[in-house]
Structure formats: C-alpha cells, structure tokens
Amino acid sequence: MAKAQTSTRPVTVAELRRMIEETLAKGLSPTDLVLQLTLRDAALIKRSALFADDEIQFKDGVMHVLGVPATAGEVAESGLDRATVTASE
C-alpha cells in the first residue's frame, strides 16, 4: 500500500496580514513582535496589493510590515513570533 503524502501548504500573504492584525488587536505592540519571512514571502509582501505603500516601511535597514519588524531568509516557513530581547551587559 502506498504511503499517503503529507504536505503542508505555505502560509499566504493574506494569512500573514490577518495574523498581524489579530495579534495587534489583542493589544500587543508591534515592537513586541517579529515577522519571520522566507525570502519568497518577503518579496511577495513587497509586491502585494493587500498592503498599502505606507503599511510597508524600511527603517534603519529593517522592513516593517504594519509596524512589525520583519526578518527574511532565516526560516523555512513564514510566521509571526514574539520578539526576544537579549540583555546587554
């Protein structure tokens, strides 16, 4: 008997937007979050009609989507996480 293939569907740009909006609606600050994007999703967001020009900004070399800082290329699947703060000595 053939083994059933299990494949996960990549998250869409619309789903990423919904994740951000829902999390911000719960009262979290954009600076408490980090949007981790694949290189593909980072490129798609920049071209997406779902985001207005003022909803994607670049500050000090960091892309911000709806105010949430984003990293690109360090993950296999895009998602929204809480930012981790490292203590400086």
C-alpha atoms as a PDB file:
ATOM      1  CA  MET A   1       0.000   0.000   0.000  1.00  0.00           C
ATOM      2  CA  ALA A   2       1.317   3.442  -0.912  1.00  0.00           C
ATOM      3  CA  LYS A   3       2.117   5.818   1.904  1.00  0.00           C
ATOM      4  CA  ALA A   4      -0.056   8.924   1.930  1.00  0.00           C
ATOM      5  CA  GLN A   5       1.905  12.065   1.284  1.00  0.00           C
ATOM      6  CA  THR A   6       1.648  14.769   3.852  1.00  0.00           C
ATOM      7  CA  SER A   7       2.402  18.228   2.634  1.00  0.00           C
ATOM      8  CA  THR A   8       1.856  21.488   4.372  1.00  0.00           C
ATOM      9  CA  ARG A   9       0.635  24.426   2.402  1.00  0.00           C
ATOM     10  CA  PRO A  10       2.779  27.534   2.788  1.00  0.00           C
ATOM     11  CA  VAL A  11       1.197  30.448   4.592  1.00  0.00           C
ATOM     12  CA  THR A  12      -0.208  33.111   2.260  1.00  0.00           C
ATOM     13  CA  VAL A  13       0.368  36.853   2.321  1.00  0.00           C
ATOM     14  CA  ALA A  14      -3.297  37.328   3.286  1.00  0.00           C
ATOM     15  CA  GLU A  15      -2.841  34.955   6.233  1.00  0.00           C
ATOM     16  CA  LEU A  16       0.255  36.828   7.374  1.00  0.00           C
ATOM     17  CA  ARG A  17      -1.674  40.097   7.306  1.00  0.00           C
ATOM     18  CA  ARG A  18      -4.536  38.517   9.282  1.00  0.00           C
ATOM     19  CA  MET A  19      -2.068  37.140  11.866  1.00  0.00           C
ATOM     20  CA  ILE A  20      -0.561  40.578  12.397  1.00  0.00           C
ATOM     21  CA  GLU A  21      -3.918  42.358  12.607  1.00  0.00           C
ATOM     22  CA  GLU A  22      -5.378  39.831  15.057  1.00  0.00           C
ATOM     23  CA  THR A  23      -2.311  39.937  17.281  1.00  0.00           C
ATOM     24  CA  LEU A  24      -2.241  43.740  17.334  1.00  0.00           C
ATOM     25  CA  ALA A  25      -5.990  43.782  18.085  1.00  0.00           C
ATOM     26  CA  LYS A  26      -5.248  41.730  21.219  1.00  0.00           C
ATOM     27  CA  GLY A  27      -3.212  44.663  22.498  1.00  0.00           C
ATOM     28  CA  LEU A  28       0.334  43.607  21.714  1.00  0.00           C
ATOM     29  CA  SER A  29       2.675  46.311  20.491  1.00  0.00           C
ATOM     30  CA  PRO A  30       4.318  45.919  17.069  1.00  0.00           C
ATOM     31  CA  THR A  31       7.698  46.158  18.812  1.00  0.00           C
ATOM     32  CA  ASP A  32       6.801  43.051  20.865  1.00  0.00           C
ATOM     33  CA  LEU A  33       6.576  41.021  17.661  1.00  0.00           C
ATOM     34  CA  VAL A  34       8.763  39.879  14.802  1.00  0.00           C
ATOM     35  CA  LEU A  35       7.535  38.741  11.415  1.00  0.00           C
ATOM     36  CA  GLN A  36       9.828  35.972  10.220  1.00  0.00           C
ATOM     37  CA  LEU A  37       9.612  35.601   6.457  1.00  0.00           C
ATOM     38  CA  THR A  38      11.005  33.309   3.838  1.00  0.00           C
ATOM     39  CA  LEU A  39      12.773  35.171   1.052  1.00  0.00           C
ATOM     40  CA  ARG A  40       9.841  34.299  -1.215  1.00  0.00           C
ATOM     41  CA  ASP A  41       7.248  35.741   1.169  1.00  0.00           C
ATOM     42  CA  ALA A  42       9.295  38.896   1.755  1.00  0.00           C
ATOM     43  CA  ALA A  43       9.290  39.507  -1.996  1.00  0.00           C
ATOM     44  CA  LEU A  44       5.568  38.714  -2.279  1.00  0.00           C
ATOM     45  CA  ILE A  45       4.630  41.114   0.512  1.00  0.00           C
ATOM     46  CA  LYS A  46       6.545  43.956  -1.131  1.00  0.00           C
ATOM     47  CA  ARG A  47       4.550  43.432  -4.348  1.00  0.00           C
ATOM     48  CA  SER A  48       1.191  42.561  -2.788  1.00  0.00           C
ATOM     49  CA  ALA A  49      -1.856  44.721  -3.373  1.00  0.00           C
ATOM     50  CA  LEU A  50      -3.020  43.674   0.116  1.00  0.00           C
ATOM     51  CA  PHE A  51      -0.581  46.152   1.649  1.00  0.00           C
ATOM     52  CA  ALA A  52      -0.675  49.888   1.024  1.00  0.00           C
ATOM     53  CA  ASP A  53       2.612  51.680   0.432  1.00  0.00           C
ATOM     54  CA  ASP A  54       2.551  53.198   3.926  1.00  0.00           C
ATOM     55  CA  GLU A  55       1.983  49.781   5.552  1.00  0.00           C
ATOM     56  CA  ILE A  56       5.445  48.575   4.497  1.00  0.00           C
ATOM     57  CA  GLN A  57       8.312  50.754   5.628  1.00  0.00           C
ATOM     58  CA  PHE A  58      12.063  50.432   5.854  1.00  0.00           C
ATOM     59  CA  LYS A  59      13.727  51.882   8.955  1.00  0.00           C
ATOM     60  CA  ASP A  60      17.440  51.524   9.630  1.00  0.00           C
ATOM     61  CA  GLY A  61      17.634  48.716   7.068  1.00  0.00           C
ATOM     62  CA  VAL A  62      14.770  46.719   8.608  1.00  0.00           C
ATOM     63  CA  MET A  63      11.478  46.103   6.829  1.00  0.00           C
ATOM     64  CA  HIS A  64       8.399  46.802   8.950  1.00  0.00           C
ATOM     65  CA  VAL A  65       5.017  45.373   7.951  1.00  0.00           C
ATOM     66  CA  LEU A  66       2.080  47.101   9.670  1.00  0.00           C
ATOM     67  CA  GLY A  67       4.664  48.379  12.139  1.00  0.00           C
ATOM     68  CA  VAL A  68       6.036  44.909  12.934  1.00  0.00           C
ATOM     69  CA  PRO A  69       9.752  44.412  12.235  1.00  0.00           C
ATOM     70  CA  ALA A  70      10.452  41.621   9.762  1.00  0.00           C
ATOM     71  CA  THR A  71      13.394  39.349   9.095  1.00  0.00           C
ATOM     72  CA  ALA A  72      13.809  37.491   5.822  1.00  0.00           C
ATOM     73  CA  GLY A  73      15.568  34.321   4.796  1.00  0.00           C
ATOM     74  CA  GLU A  74      16.235  32.764   8.172  1.00  0.00           C
ATOM     75  CA  VAL A  75      13.213  30.418   8.280  1.00  0.00           C
ATOM     76  CA  ALA A  76      11.712  27.608   6.218  1.00  0.00           C
ATOM     77  CA  GLU A  77       8.150  28.843   6.835  1.00  0.00           C
ATOM     78  CA  SER A  78       6.917  32.373   7.454  1.00  0.00           C
ATOM     79  CA  GLY A  79       5.183  33.261  10.684  1.00  0.00           C
ATOM     80  CA  LEU A  80       4.646  35.806  13.426  1.00  0.00           C
ATOM     81  CA  ASP A  81       6.516  35.400  16.708  1.00  0.00           C
ATOM     82  CA  ARG A  82       7.125  37.347  19.850  1.00  0.00           C
ATOM     83  CA  ALA A  83      10.334  39.326  19.766  1.00  0.00           C
ATOM     84  CA  THR A  84      13.088  38.103  22.029  1.00  0.00           C
ATOM     85  CA  VAL A  85      15.160  40.667  23.823  1.00  0.00           C
ATOM     86  CA  THR A  86      18.697  39.897  24.776  1.00  0.00           C
ATOM     87  CA  ALA A  87      20.042  41.580  27.867  1.00  0.00           C
ATOM     88  CA  SER A  88      23.027  43.786  27.249  1.00  0.00           C
ATOM     89  CA  GLU A  89      25.707  43.993  29.851  1.00  0.00           C
END
